[in-house]
C-alpha atoms as a PDB file:
ATOM      1  CA  MET A   1     205.151 127.720 -29.911  1.00  0.00           C
ATOM      2  CA  LYS A   2     201.887 129.326 -28.852  1.00  0.00           C
ATOM      3  CA  LYS A   3     200.045 131.528 -31.507  1.00  0.00           C
ATOM      4  CA  LEU A   4     201.252 134.781 -31.359  1.00  0.00           C
ATOM      5  CA  PHE A   5     199.064 138.035 -29.993  1.00  0.00           C
ATOM      6  CA  VAL A   6     199.044 140.011 -33.232  1.00  0.00           C
ATOM      7  CA  HIS A   7     197.062 137.333 -34.906  1.00  0.00           C
ATOM      8  CA  HIS A   8     194.419 137.541 -32.214  1.00  0.00           C
ATOM      9  CA  PRO A   9     191.160 138.606 -33.130  1.00  0.00           C
ATOM     10  CA  LEU A  10     190.762 140.873 -30.299  1.00  0.00           C
ATOM     11  CA  PHE A  11     193.819 142.452 -30.826  1.00  0.00           C
ATOM     12  CA  ARG A  12     193.122 142.648 -34.690  1.00  0.00           C
ATOM     13  CA  LEU A  13     189.922 144.605 -34.007  1.00  0.00           C
ATOM     14  CA  LEU A  14     191.103 147.161 -31.174  1.00  0.00           C
ATOM     15  CA  SER A  15     194.548 147.576 -32.147  1.00  0.00           C
ATOM     16  CA  PRO A  16     193.652 149.615 -35.577  1.00  0.00           C
ATOM     17  CA  LEU A  17     191.107 151.894 -33.672  1.00  0.00           C
ATOM     18  CA  PHE A  18     193.761 153.010 -31.136  1.00  0.00           C
ATOM     19  CA  SER A  19     196.538 153.433 -33.673  1.00  0.00           C
ATOM     20  CA  GLY A  20     194.409 155.368 -36.104  1.00  0.00           C
ATOM     21  CA  ALA A  21     193.339 157.878 -33.709  1.00  0.00           C
ATOM     22  CA  LEU A  22     196.969 158.193 -32.204  1.00  0.00           C
ATOM     23  CA  THR A  23     197.870 158.963 -35.783  1.00  0.00           C
ATOM     24  CA  TYR A  24     195.115 161.101 -36.415  1.00  0.00           C
ATOM     25  CA  LEU A  25     195.569 163.130 -32.764  1.00  0.00           C
ATOM     26  CA  LEU A  26     199.459 163.436 -33.946  1.00  0.00           C
ATOM     27  CA  ILE A  27     198.560 165.032 -36.911  1.00  0.00           C
ATOM     28  CA  LEU A  28     196.064 167.394 -35.369  1.00  0.00           C
ATOM     29  CA  LEU A  29     198.671 168.454 -32.885  1.00  0.00           C
ATOM     30  CA  ILE A  30     201.275 169.306 -35.727  1.00  0.00           C
ATOM     31  CA  ASN A  31     198.567 171.534 -37.939  1.00  0.00           C
ATOM     32  CA  ASN A  32     196.642 173.162 -35.076  1.00  0.00           C
ATOM     33  CA  THR A  33     196.400 173.962 -31.325  1.00  0.00           C
ATOM     34  CA  LEU A  34     195.312 172.097 -28.367  1.00  0.00           C
ATOM     35  CA  GLN A  35     192.071 174.194 -28.181  1.00  0.00           C
ATOM     36  CA  ASP A  36     191.329 173.079 -31.672  1.00  0.00           C
ATOM     37  CA  LEU A  37     191.198 169.529 -30.855  1.00  0.00           C
ATOM     38  CA  GLY A  38     187.701 169.843 -29.569  1.00  0.00           C
ATOM     39  CA  SER A  39     186.032 171.161 -32.418  1.00  0.00           C
ATOM     40  CA  ASN A  40     188.103 168.814 -35.228  1.00  0.00           C
ATOM     41  CA  PHE A  41     188.898 165.504 -33.708  1.00  0.00           C
ATOM     42  CA  PHE A  42     185.584 163.766 -34.498  1.00  0.00           C
ATOM     43  CA  THR A  43     185.896 164.404 -38.317  1.00  0.00           C
ATOM     44  CA  GLN A  44     185.938 162.624 -41.582  1.00  0.00           C
ATOM     45  CA  GLU A  45     189.734 162.335 -41.593  1.00  0.00           C
ATOM     46  CA  LEU A  46     189.564 160.508 -38.021  1.00  0.00           C
ATOM     47  CA  TYR A  47     187.816 157.522 -39.973  1.00  0.00           C
ATOM     48  CA  VAL A  48     190.088 157.669 -42.983  1.00  0.00           C
ATOM     49  CA  CYS A  49     193.101 157.359 -40.559  1.00  0.00           C
ATOM     50  CA  ILE A  50     191.493 154.206 -38.601  1.00  0.00           C
ATOM     51  CA  VAL A  51     190.845 152.487 -41.985  1.00  0.00           C
ATOM     52  CA  LEU A  52     194.047 153.133 -43.084  1.00  0.00           C
ATOM     53  CA  ALA A  53     195.749 151.720 -39.717  1.00  0.00           C
ATOM     54  CA  TYR A  54     193.464 148.638 -40.347  1.00  0.00           C
ATOM     55  CA  ILE A  55     195.106 148.252 -43.965  1.00  0.00           C
ATOM     56  CA  ILE A  56     198.586 148.766 -42.952  1.00  0.00           C
ATOM     57  CA  GLN A  57     197.939 146.254 -39.691  1.00  0.00           C
ATOM     58  CA  GLU A  58     196.588 143.448 -41.927  1.00  0.00           C
ATOM     59  CA  SER A  59     199.527 143.905 -44.806  1.00  0.00           C
ATOM     60  CA  ALA A  60     201.880 143.820 -41.740  1.00  0.00           C
ATOM     61  CA  ARG A  61     200.549 140.711 -40.408  1.00  0.00           C
ATOM     62  CA  ILE A  62     200.526 138.802 -44.015  1.00  0.00           C
ATOM     63  CA  ASN A  63     204.020 140.279 -43.995  1.00  0.00           C
ATOM     64  CA  ILE A  64     205.002 138.586 -40.665  1.00  0.00           C
ATOM     65  CA  GLN A  65     203.312 135.354 -41.877  1.00  0.00           C
ATOM     66  CA  PHE A  66     205.122 135.260 -45.004  1.00  0.00           C
ATOM     67  CA  PHE A  67     208.751 136.176 -43.231  1.00  0.00           C
ATOM     68  CA  ASN A  68     207.841 133.224 -40.703  1.00  0.00           C
ATOM     69  CA  ARG A  69     207.324 130.687 -43.408  1.00  0.00           C
ATOM     70  CA  LEU A  70     210.363 132.122 -45.314  1.00  0.00           C
ATOM     71  CA  LYS A  71     213.570 129.502 -44.668  1.00  0.00           C
ATOM     72  CA  ARG A  72     216.120 131.684 -46.216  1.00  0.00           C
ATOM     73  CA  PRO A  73     218.063 133.674 -45.224  1.00  0.00           C
ATOM     74  CA  ARG A  74     219.039 131.514 -42.116  1.00  0.00           C
ATOM     75  CA  SER A  75     220.678 134.267 -40.104  1.00  0.00           C
ATOM     76  CA  PHE A  76     218.136 135.677 -37.608  1.00  0.00           C
ATOM     77  CA  LEU A  77     219.644 139.409 -37.857  1.00  0.00           C
ATOM     78  CA  VAL A  78     219.824 139.598 -41.900  1.00  0.00           C
ATOM     79  CA  LYS A  79     216.126 138.267 -41.857  1.00  0.00           C
ATOM     80  CA  ALA A  80     214.876 140.994 -39.171  1.00  0.00           C
ATOM     81  CA  LEU A  81     216.540 143.694 -41.298  1.00  0.00           C
ATOM     82  CA  LEU A  82     215.031 142.497 -44.504  1.00  0.00           C
ATOM     83  CA  HIS A  83     211.322 142.281 -42.328  1.00  0.00           C
ATOM     84  CA  LEU A  84     211.851 145.620 -41.419  1.00  0.00           C
ATOM     85  CA  ILE A  85     212.704 147.115 -44.821  1.00  0.00           C
ATOM     86  CA  SER A  86     209.899 145.306 -46.691  1.00  0.00           C
ATOM     87  CA  ILE A  87     207.361 146.668 -43.989  1.00  0.00           C
ATOM     88  CA  LEU A  88     208.544 150.309 -44.281  1.00  0.00           C
ATOM     89  CA  ALA A  89     208.142 149.900 -47.975  1.00  0.00           C
ATOM     90  CA  ILE A  90     205.136 148.545 -47.907  1.00  0.00           C
ATOM     91  CA  THR A  91     203.461 151.132 -45.418  1.00  0.00           C
ATOM     92  CA  VAL A  92     204.880 154.086 -47.266  1.00  0.00           C
ATOM     93  CA  LEU A  93     203.221 152.462 -50.569  1.00  0.00           C
ATOM     94  CA  LEU A  94     199.952 151.988 -48.918  1.00  0.00           C
ATOM     95  CA  VAL A  95     199.834 155.472 -47.089  1.00  0.00           C
ATOM     96  CA  ILE A  96     200.807 157.552 -50.538  1.00  0.00           C
ATOM     97  CA  VAL A  97     198.125 155.326 -52.291  1.00  0.00           C
ATOM     98  CA  THR A  98     195.522 155.753 -50.000  1.00  0.00           C
ATOM     99  CA  MET A  99     195.664 159.454 -48.876  1.00  0.00           C
ATOM    100  CA  TYR A 100     196.650 160.361 -52.440  1.00  0.00           C
ATOM    101  CA  SER A 101     193.472 158.645 -53.556  1.00  0.00           C
ATOM    102  CA  TYR A 102     191.454 160.278 -50.578  1.00  0.00           C
ATOM    103  CA  PHE A 103     192.704 163.823 -51.236  1.00  0.00           C
ATOM    104  CA  VAL A 104     191.896 163.400 -54.743  1.00  0.00           C
ATOM    105  CA  LEU A 105     188.684 161.667 -54.994  1.00  0.00           C
ATOM    106  CA  ILE A 106     187.009 162.711 -52.027  1.00  0.00           C
ATOM    107  CA  LEU A 107     188.423 166.570 -51.377  1.00  0.00           C
ATOM    108  CA  SER A 108     189.177 167.095 -55.141  1.00  0.00           C
ATOM    109  CA  TYR A 109     192.704 168.571 -54.260  1.00  0.00           C
ATOM    110  CA  THR A 110     196.324 167.307 -54.679  1.00  0.00           C
ATOM    111  CA  PRO A 111     198.444 166.492 -51.329  1.00  0.00           C
ATOM    112  CA  ASN A 112     201.542 168.198 -51.256  1.00  0.00           C
ATOM    113  CA  TYR A 113     204.711 166.257 -50.202  1.00  0.00           C
ATOM    114  CA  MET A 114     204.754 167.586 -46.540  1.00  0.00           C
ATOM    115  CA  GLU A 115     201.312 166.221 -45.742  1.00  0.00           C
ATOM    116  CA  LEU A 116     202.260 162.727 -47.624  1.00  0.00           C
ATOM    117  CA  LEU A 117     205.460 162.638 -45.612  1.00  0.00           C
ATOM    118  CA  ILE A 118     203.692 163.275 -42.034  1.00  0.00           C
ATOM    119  CA  PHE A 119     201.102 160.481 -42.602  1.00  0.00           C
ATOM    120  CA  SER A 120     204.226 158.222 -43.888  1.00  0.00           C
ATOM    121  CA  SER A 121     206.369 158.911 -41.062  1.00  0.00           C
ATOM    122  CA  ILE A 122     203.758 158.391 -38.243  1.00  0.00           C
ATOM    123  CA  PHE A 123     202.262 155.276 -39.962  1.00  0.00           C
ATOM    124  CA  SER A 124     205.983 153.711 -40.467  1.00  0.00           C
ATOM    125  CA  THR A 125     206.767 154.127 -37.139  1.00  0.00           C
ATOM    126  CA  ILE A 126     203.723 152.233 -35.866  1.00  0.00           C
ATOM    127  CA  SER A 127     204.252 149.495 -38.216  1.00  0.00           C
ATOM    128  CA  VAL A 128     207.926 149.135 -37.294  1.00  0.00           C
ATOM    129  CA  ILE A 129     207.238 148.852 -33.699  1.00  0.00           C
ATOM    130  CA  TYR A 130     204.563 146.591 -34.918  1.00  0.00           C
ATOM    131  CA  VAL A 131     206.890 144.261 -36.178  1.00  0.00           C
ATOM    132  CA  LEU A 132     209.562 144.813 -33.739  1.00  0.00           C
ATOM    133  CA  LEU A 133     207.101 143.210 -31.295  1.00  0.00           C
ATOM    134  CA  TYR A 134     206.974 140.029 -33.388  1.00  0.00           C
ATOM    135  CA  ILE A 135     210.811 140.094 -34.266  1.00  0.00           C
ATOM    136  CA  GLY A 136     211.180 140.740 -30.044  1.00  0.00           C
ATOM    137  CA  ASN A 137     208.886 137.668 -29.454  1.00  0.00           C
ATOM    138  CA  GLN A 138     210.566 135.556 -32.094  1.00  0.00           C
ATOM    139  CA  PHE A 139     213.916 136.396 -30.592  1.00  0.00           C
ATOM    140  CA  LEU A 140     213.167 135.543 -26.950  1.00  0.00           C
ATOM    141  CA  PHE A 141     211.576 132.080 -28.507  1.00  0.00           C
ATOM    142  CA  LYS A 142     214.758 131.472 -29.925  1.00  0.00           C
ATOM    143  CA  ILE A 143     216.804 132.117 -26.768  1.00  0.00           C
ATOM    144  CA  ASN A 144     214.394 130.153 -24.590  1.00  0.00           C
ATOM    145  CA  THR A 145     214.549 127.018 -27.344  1.00  0.00           C
ATOM    146  CA  ASP A 146     218.299 127.102 -27.021  1.00  0.00           C
ATOM    147  CA  LYS A 147     217.844 126.984 -23.356  1.00  0.00           C
ATOM    148  CA  LEU A 148     215.365 124.091 -23.538  1.00  0.00           C
ATOM    149  CA  GLU A 149     217.336 122.202 -25.933  1.00  0.00           C
ATOM    150  CA  LYS A 150     220.733 122.482 -23.967  1.00  0.00           C
ATOM    151  CA  GLU A 151     218.859 121.523 -20.977  1.00  0.00           C
ATOM    152  CA  GLU A 152     217.327 118.586 -22.734  1.00  0.00           C
ATOM    153  CA  SER A 153     220.773 117.448 -23.747  1.00  0.00           C
ATOM    154  CA  GLU A 154     222.500 117.874 -20.596  1.00  0.00           C
ATOM    155  CA  ARG A 155     219.459 115.653 -19.285  1.00  0.00           C
ATOM    156  CA  SER A 156     219.777 112.919 -21.949  1.00  0.00           C
ATOM    157  CA  LYS A 157     223.567 112.844 -21.216  1.00  0.00           C
ATOM    158  CA  ILE A 158     223.137 112.574 -17.439  1.00  0.00           C
ATOM    159  CA  GLU A 159     220.477 109.825 -18.266  1.00  0.00           C
ATOM    160  CA  SER A 160     222.727 107.844 -20.653  1.00  0.00           C
ATOM    161  CA  ASP A 161     225.549 107.985 -18.103  1.00  0.00           C
ATOM    162  CA  PHE A 162     223.493 107.006 -15.399  1.00  0.00           C
ATOM    163  CA  LYS A 163     222.077 103.915 -17.549  1.00  0.00           C
ATOM    164  CA  SER A 164     226.188 102.823 -18.195  1.00  0.00           C
ATOM    165  CA  PHE A 165     226.962 103.640 -14.667  1.00  0.00           C
ATOM    166  CA  LYS A 166     224.326 101.285 -13.842  1.00  0.00           C
ATOM    167  CA  GLN A 167     225.243  98.987 -16.468  1.00  0.00           C
ATOM    168  CA  GLU A 168     228.604  98.912 -15.474  1.00  0.00           C
ATOM    169  CA  ILE A 169     228.270  98.342 -11.855  1.00  0.00           C
ATOM    170  CA  ASN A 170     224.900  95.755 -12.127  1.00  0.00           C
ATOM    171  CA  PRO A 171     223.378  96.262  -8.720  1.00  0.00           C
ATOM    172  CA  GLN A 172     221.073  93.271  -8.985  1.00  0.00           C
ATOM    173  CA  LEU A 173     224.088  90.975  -9.953  1.00  0.00           C
ATOM    174  CA  LEU A 174     226.277  92.524  -6.875  1.00  0.00           C
ATOM    175  CA  PHE A 175     223.607  91.935  -4.223  1.00  0.00           C
ATOM    176  CA  GLU A 176     223.126  88.254  -5.549  1.00  0.00           C
ATOM    177  CA  SER A 177     226.943  87.786  -5.541  1.00  0.00           C
ATOM    178  CA  LEU A 178     227.505  89.114  -2.152  1.00  0.00           C
ATOM    179  CA  GLU A 179     224.559  87.106  -0.435  1.00  0.00           C
ATOM    180  CA  THR A 180     225.673  83.926  -2.153  1.00  0.00           C
ATOM    181  CA  ILE A 181     229.087  84.525  -0.859  1.00  0.00           C
ATOM    182  CA  LEU A 182     228.119  85.365   2.905  1.00  0.00           C
ATOM    183  CA  ALA A 183     225.699  82.109   2.567  1.00  0.00           C
ATOM    184  CA  LEU A 184     228.482  79.939   1.181  1.00  0.00           C
ATOM    185  CA  MET A 185     230.715  81.033   3.733  1.00  0.00           C
ATOM    186  CA  LYS A 186     229.060  79.067   6.674  1.00  0.00           C
ATOM    187  CA  LYS A 187     228.632  76.151   4.111  1.00  0.00           C
ATOM    188  CA  ASP A 188     232.262  75.822   2.484  1.00  0.00           C
ATOM    189  CA  ALA A 189     235.132  78.585   3.018  1.00  0.00           C
ATOM    190  CA  GLU A 190     237.239  77.326  -0.195  1.00  0.00           C
ATOM    191  CA  GLU A 191     234.099  77.435  -2.381  1.00  0.00           C
ATOM    192  CA  ALA A 192     233.400  81.041  -1.113  1.00  0.00           C
ATOM    193  CA  GLU A 193     236.987  82.029  -1.626  1.00  0.00           C
ATOM    194  CA  VAL A 194     236.613  80.943  -5.597  1.00  0.00           C
ATOM    195  CA  LEU A 195     233.060  82.518  -5.631  1.00  0.00           C
ATOM    196  CA  THR A 196     234.934  85.752  -4.250  1.00  0.00           C
ATOM    197  CA  GLU A 197     237.651  85.382  -6.802  1.00  0.00           C
ATOM    198  CA  ASN A 198     235.459  85.001  -9.799  1.00  0.00           C
ATOM    199  CA  PHE A 199     233.430  87.837  -8.389  1.00  0.00           C
ATOM    200  CA  ALA A 200     236.438  90.244  -7.963  1.00  0.00           C
ATOM    201  CA  SER A 201     237.776  89.426 -11.685  1.00  0.00           C
ATOM    202  CA  ILE A 202     234.464  90.451 -13.118  1.00  0.00           C
ATOM    203  CA  TYR A 203     234.055  93.933 -11.167  1.00  0.00           C
ATOM    204  CA  ARG A 204     237.872  94.650 -11.711  1.00  0.00           C
ATOM    205  CA  TYR A 205     237.041  93.988 -15.544  1.00  0.00           C
ATOM    206  CA  LEU A 206     233.834  96.217 -15.634  1.00  0.00           C
ATOM    207  CA  LEU A 207     235.514  98.929 -13.559  1.00  0.00           C
ATOM    208  CA  SER A 208     238.724  98.832 -15.655  1.00  0.00           C
ATOM    209  CA  LYS A 209     237.621  98.494 -19.088  1.00  0.00           C
ATOM    210  CA  LYS A 210     234.795 101.313 -18.717  1.00  0.00           C
ATOM    211  CA  ARG A 211     236.738 103.804 -20.834  1.00  0.00           C
ATOM    212  CA  ASN A 212     237.486 101.506 -23.546  1.00  0.00           C
ATOM    213  CA  GLU A 213     235.228 101.568 -26.455  1.00  0.00           C
ATOM    214  CA  ILE A 214     236.025  98.082 -27.934  1.00  0.00           C
ATOM    215  CA  ILE A 215     238.491  95.408 -27.093  1.00  0.00           C
ATOM    216  CA  HIS A 216     239.514  92.115 -28.132  1.00  0.00           C
ATOM    217  CA  PHE A 217     237.006  89.432 -27.875  1.00  0.00           C
ATOM    218  CA  ASP A 218     239.578  87.021 -25.982  1.00  0.00           C
ATOM    219  CA  GLU A 219     239.509  89.402 -22.878  1.00  0.00           C
ATOM    220  CA  GLU A 220     235.961  89.404 -22.739  1.00  0.00           C
ATOM    221  CA  LEU A 221     235.859  85.465 -23.071  1.00  0.00           C
ATOM    222  CA  SER A 222     238.135  85.176 -20.168  1.00  0.00           C
ATOM    223  CA  VAL A 223     236.035  87.163 -17.717  1.00  0.00           C
ATOM    224  CA  LEU A 224     233.073  85.120 -19.292  1.00  0.00           C
ATOM    225  CA  LYS A 225     234.523  81.985 -17.900  1.00  0.00           C
ATOM    226  CA  SER A 226     234.687  83.539 -14.685  1.00  0.00           C
ATOM    227  CA  PHE A 227     231.135  84.682 -14.740  1.00  0.00           C
ATOM    228  CA  ILE A 228     230.048  81.161 -15.572  1.00  0.00           C
ATOM    229  CA  GLY A 229     231.950  80.058 -12.514  1.00  0.00           C
ATOM    230  CA  MET A 230     230.033  82.472 -10.678  1.00  0.00           C
ATOM    231  CA  VAL A 231     226.579  82.034 -11.253  1.00  0.00           C
ATOM    232  CA  LYS A 232     226.762  78.248 -10.931  1.00  0.00           C
ATOM    233  CA  TYR A 233     226.654  79.158  -7.225  1.00  0.00           C
ATOM    234  CA  MET A 234     223.279  81.319  -7.903  1.00  0.00           C
ATOM    235  CA  PRO A 235     219.719  79.972  -8.400  1.00  0.00           C
ATOM    236  CA  TYR A 236     219.825  79.976 -11.945  1.00  0.00           C
ATOM    237  CA  ARG A 237     220.226  77.562 -14.756  1.00  0.00           C
ATOM    238  CA  LYS A 238     223.652  76.123 -14.579  1.00  0.00           C
ATOM    239  CA  LEU A 239     226.010  77.446 -17.302  1.00  0.00           C
ATOM    240  CA  LYS A 240     228.568  75.717 -19.719  1.00  0.00           C
ATOM    241  CA  LEU A 241     230.162  77.311 -22.828  1.00  0.00           C
ATOM    242  CA  GLY A 242     229.803  75.140 -25.739  1.00  0.00           C
ATOM    243  CA  LYS A 243     232.031  75.381 -29.009  1.00  0.00           C
ATOM    244  CA  CYS A 244     233.673  78.525 -29.405  1.00  0.00           C
ATOM    245  CA  GLN A 245     234.662  79.243 -32.921  1.00  0.00           C
ATOM    246  CA  THR A 246     236.211  82.535 -33.180  1.00  0.00           C
ATOM    247  CA  LYS A 247     239.263  84.349 -34.511  1.00  0.00           C
ATOM    248  CA  GLU A 248     239.352  86.797 -31.931  1.00  0.00           C
ATOM    249  CA  PRO A 249     237.203  89.806 -33.477  1.00  0.00           C
ATOM    250  CA  PHE A 250     236.787  92.796 -31.580  1.00  0.00           C
ATOM    251  CA  ILE A 251     233.877  93.571 -29.127  1.00  0.00           C
ATOM    252  CA  VAL A 252     232.047  96.125 -26.987  1.00  0.00           C
ATOM    253  CA  PRO A 253     233.085  95.901 -23.310  1.00  0.00           C
ATOM    254  CA  GLY A 254     230.441  93.748 -21.199  1.00  0.00           C
ATOM    255  CA  SER A 255     228.491  92.614 -24.298  1.00  0.00           C
ATOM    256  CA  LEU A 256     228.820  88.772 -23.806  1.00  0.00           C
ATOM    257  CA  LEU A 257     228.267  89.280 -19.991  1.00  0.00           C
ATOM    258  CA  TYR A 258     225.028  91.102 -20.247  1.00  0.00           C
ATOM    259  CA  ILE A 259     223.772  88.800 -22.939  1.00  0.00           C
ATOM    260  CA  PHE A 260     224.552  85.866 -21.005  1.00  0.00           C
ATOM    261  CA  GLU A 261     223.140  87.428 -17.833  1.00  0.00           C
ATOM    262  CA  MET A 262     219.806  87.898 -19.729  1.00  0.00           C
ATOM    263  CA  ILE A 263     219.726  84.762 -20.867  1.00  0.00           C
ATOM    264  CA  LEU A 264     220.114  83.484 -17.550  1.00  0.00           C
ATOM    265  CA  LYS A 265     217.103  85.598 -16.423  1.00  0.00           C
ATOM    266  CA  SER A 266     214.864  84.260 -18.962  1.00  0.00           C
ATOM    267  CA  THR A 267     215.680  80.433 -18.834  1.00  0.00           C
ATOM    268  CA  ILE A 268     213.955  78.396 -16.130  1.00  0.00           C
ATOM    269  CA  PRO A 269     216.300  77.654 -13.136  1.00  0.00           C
ATOM    270  CA  SER A 270     217.564  73.889 -12.889  1.00  0.00           C
ATOM    271  CA  GLU A 271     220.175  72.282 -10.431  1.00  0.00           C
ATOM    272  CA  GLN A 272     220.740  69.195 -12.989  1.00  0.00           C
ATOM    273  CA  ILE A 273     220.017  70.688 -16.342  1.00  0.00           C
ATOM    274  CA  TYR A 274     222.924  72.555 -17.856  1.00  0.00           C
ATOM    275  CA  LEU A 275     222.456  75.516 -20.238  1.00  0.00           C
ATOM    276  CA  VAL A 276     224.922  74.984 -23.063  1.00  0.00           C
ATOM    277  CA  VAL A 277     225.795  78.045 -24.968  1.00  0.00           C
ATOM    278  CA  ASP A 278     227.617  78.258 -28.316  1.00  0.00           C
ATOM    279  CA  LEU A 279     229.669  80.747 -29.589  1.00  0.00           C
ATOM    280  CA  GLU A 280     230.565  81.206 -33.320  1.00  0.00           C
ATOM    281  CA  GLU A 281     231.796  83.665 -35.639  1.00  0.00           C
ATOM    282  CA  LYS A 282     230.542  84.081 -38.874  1.00  0.00           C
ATOM    283  CA  GLU A 283     231.065  86.837 -41.946  1.00  0.00           C
ATOM    284  CA  ASP A 284     229.549  89.814 -40.308  1.00  0.00           C
ATOM    285  CA  CYS A 285     228.389  88.671 -36.759  1.00  0.00           C
ATOM    286  CA  ILE A 286     229.150  86.310 -33.773  1.00  0.00           C
ATOM    287  CA  GLU A 287     226.159  84.117 -33.189  1.00  0.00           C
ATOM    288  CA  ILE A 288     225.535  82.980 -29.781  1.00  0.00           C
ATOM    289  CA  LYS A 289     223.332  79.879 -29.634  1.00  0.00           C
ATOM    290  CA  TYR A 290     221.670  77.907 -27.225  1.00  0.00           C
ATOM    291  CA  GLU A 291     218.772  75.569 -26.703  1.00  0.00           C
ATOM    292  CA  HIS A 292     216.157  77.692 -24.954  1.00  0.00           C
ATOM    293  CA  GLN A 293     213.614  76.733 -22.282  1.00  0.00           C
ATOM    294  CA  GLU A 294     212.547  79.740 -21.061  1.00  0.00           C
ATOM    295  CA  LYS A 295     210.254  81.055 -18.238  1.00  0.00           C
ATOM    296  CA  LEU A 296     206.161  81.656 -19.494  1.00  0.00           C
ATOM    297  CA  ASN A 297     206.463  85.292 -18.510  1.00  0.00           C
ATOM    298  CA  LYS A 298     210.115  85.923 -19.794  1.00  0.00           C
ATOM    299  CA  THR A 299     211.111  85.642 -23.309  1.00  0.00           C
ATOM    300  CA  LEU A 300     214.227  86.793 -24.382  1.00  0.00           C
ATOM    301  CA  LYS A 301     213.586  89.682 -27.143  1.00  0.00           C
ATOM    302  CA  THR A 302     215.651  92.310 -28.963  1.00  0.00           C
ATOM    303  CA  ASN A 303     214.319  94.829 -26.990  1.00  0.00           C
ATOM    304  CA  ASP A 304     215.624  93.371 -23.934  1.00  0.00           C
ATOM    305  CA  LEU A 305     218.969  94.007 -25.250  1.00  0.00           C
ATOM    306  CA  GLU A 306     218.298  97.514 -26.094  1.00  0.00           C
ATOM    307  CA  TYR A 307     221.495  98.725 -24.165  1.00  0.00           C
ATOM    308  CA  ILE A 308     223.800  96.670 -26.236  1.00  0.00           C
ATOM    309  CA  SER A 309     221.957  97.149 -29.310  1.00  0.00           C
ATOM    310  CA  LYS A 310     222.281 101.275 -29.335  1.00  0.00           C
ATOM    311  CA  THR A 311     226.023 100.847 -28.315  1.00  0.00           C
ATOM    312  CA  TYR A 312     226.532  98.844 -31.413  1.00  0.00           C
ATOM    313  CA  GLU A 313     224.816 101.206 -33.643  1.00  0.00           C
ATOM    314  CA  LEU A 314     227.775 103.279 -33.066  1.00  0.00           C
ATOM    315  CA  TYR A 315     230.188 101.179 -34.357  1.00  0.00           C
ATOM    316  CA  SER A 316     228.547  98.754 -37.079  1.00  0.00           C
ATOM    317  CA  SER A 317     225.773  99.426 -39.266  1.00  0.00           C
ATOM    318  CA  SER A 318     224.614  95.898 -38.615  1.00  0.00           C
ATOM    319  CA  ALA A 319     222.124  95.318 -36.074  1.00  0.00           C
ATOM    320  CA  LEU A 320     221.836  93.117 -33.227  1.00  0.00           C
ATOM    321  CA  GLU A 321     219.249  90.352 -33.970  1.00  0.00           C
ATOM    322  CA  VAL A 322     217.195  87.775 -31.974  1.00  0.00           C
ATOM    323  CA  LEU A 323     216.255  84.735 -33.639  1.00  0.00           C
ATOM    324  CA  HIS A 324     213.851  82.412 -31.952  1.00  0.00           C
ATOM    325  CA  GLY A 325     213.684  79.136 -33.579  1.00  0.00           C
ATOM    326  CA  THR A 326     211.712  75.834 -32.219  1.00  0.00           C
ATOM    327  CA  GLN A 327     214.294  74.201 -30.205  1.00  0.00           C
ATOM    328  CA  ILE A 328     217.394  76.782 -30.749  1.00  0.00           C
ATOM    329  CA  LYS A 329     217.473  80.428 -30.089  1.00  0.00           C
ATOM    330  CA  THR A 330     220.237  82.377 -31.640  1.00  0.00           C
ATOM    331  CA  ILE A 331     221.531  86.296 -30.881  1.00  0.00           C
ATOM    332  CA  LYS A 332     223.565  87.503 -33.664  1.00  0.00           C
ATOM    333  CA  LEU A 333     225.826  90.252 -32.271  1.00  0.00           C
ATOM    334  CA  PRO A 334     227.439  92.803 -34.893  1.00  0.00           C
ATOM    335  CA  LYS A 335     231.241  91.977 -35.503  1.00  0.00           C
ATOM    336  CA  LEU A 336     233.191  94.551 -35.137  1.00  0.00           C
ATOM    337  CA  GLN A 337     236.535  95.107 -37.415  1.00  0.00           C
ATOM    338  CA  MET A 338     239.407  97.671 -36.879  1.00  0.00           C
ATOM    339  CA  LYS A 339     240.626  99.681 -39.794  1.00  0.00           C
END
């Protein structure tokens, strides 16, 4: 929030001059006629009113700072009402003390009730207007902040939905698969048909399971085998599923597919050497292990699996980890249990 104009030095300097002169003018109009203004305007009382306006405005500014830092009450209306009551009480007290002192010490007579009431009423009105400017500014700021927060929430939701949609469709894998199918059709129609079936089963799974929060591990595993059968036709390292020791825990849909895809993209391609990946269930996680031969400019890290990691944070207190050993790389996927 930008600095409020009431704290600006120029406003603090000039505003009491006008408000003090206006107060004195109103008092003259109450006690005199218009013809008497010329002879009575520039008198000692004018400067007293200006000095009093300075005192009241600075007290109102300090009061604003106090209520701005006050945490309770949380209700905006209650806080505004208390603010107005406090500034009225402070203004009346300052006016009575100042004007009574001026009349007694300088003019040597005691002011009557009506004179103090006139001064208090005019200065209180100016103080209330001063504070209402601040409250109005705070109210507009609150409304604008709520609107901005709502817009930011909507923007974040749209971005999240887009990322989720992009992950479900995976356009890069989609185009690579279609290109491979087109190339393989001219070479071997039967192999192209097998590849098409694997491709269809993967995307059918991704689109049908997108509304499911978690699924059984064996459902993902069956689609993972189709994925392994599909990527062997692509220019990646050939994949082979090694040990698979699990008791069918639950898993977020698409987790294994995403992790295996990232493993392939970070591994040096080879037509002869297979990349064997083991799946082993531990007490609190599923370990995905493989002997890594990563590209020089592409090392699989935890940040590369941020999409999966953020999803698992919603269901598990454990975090996804990527452990880089000398020969073996281990990805620890938190295990989900249905209760």
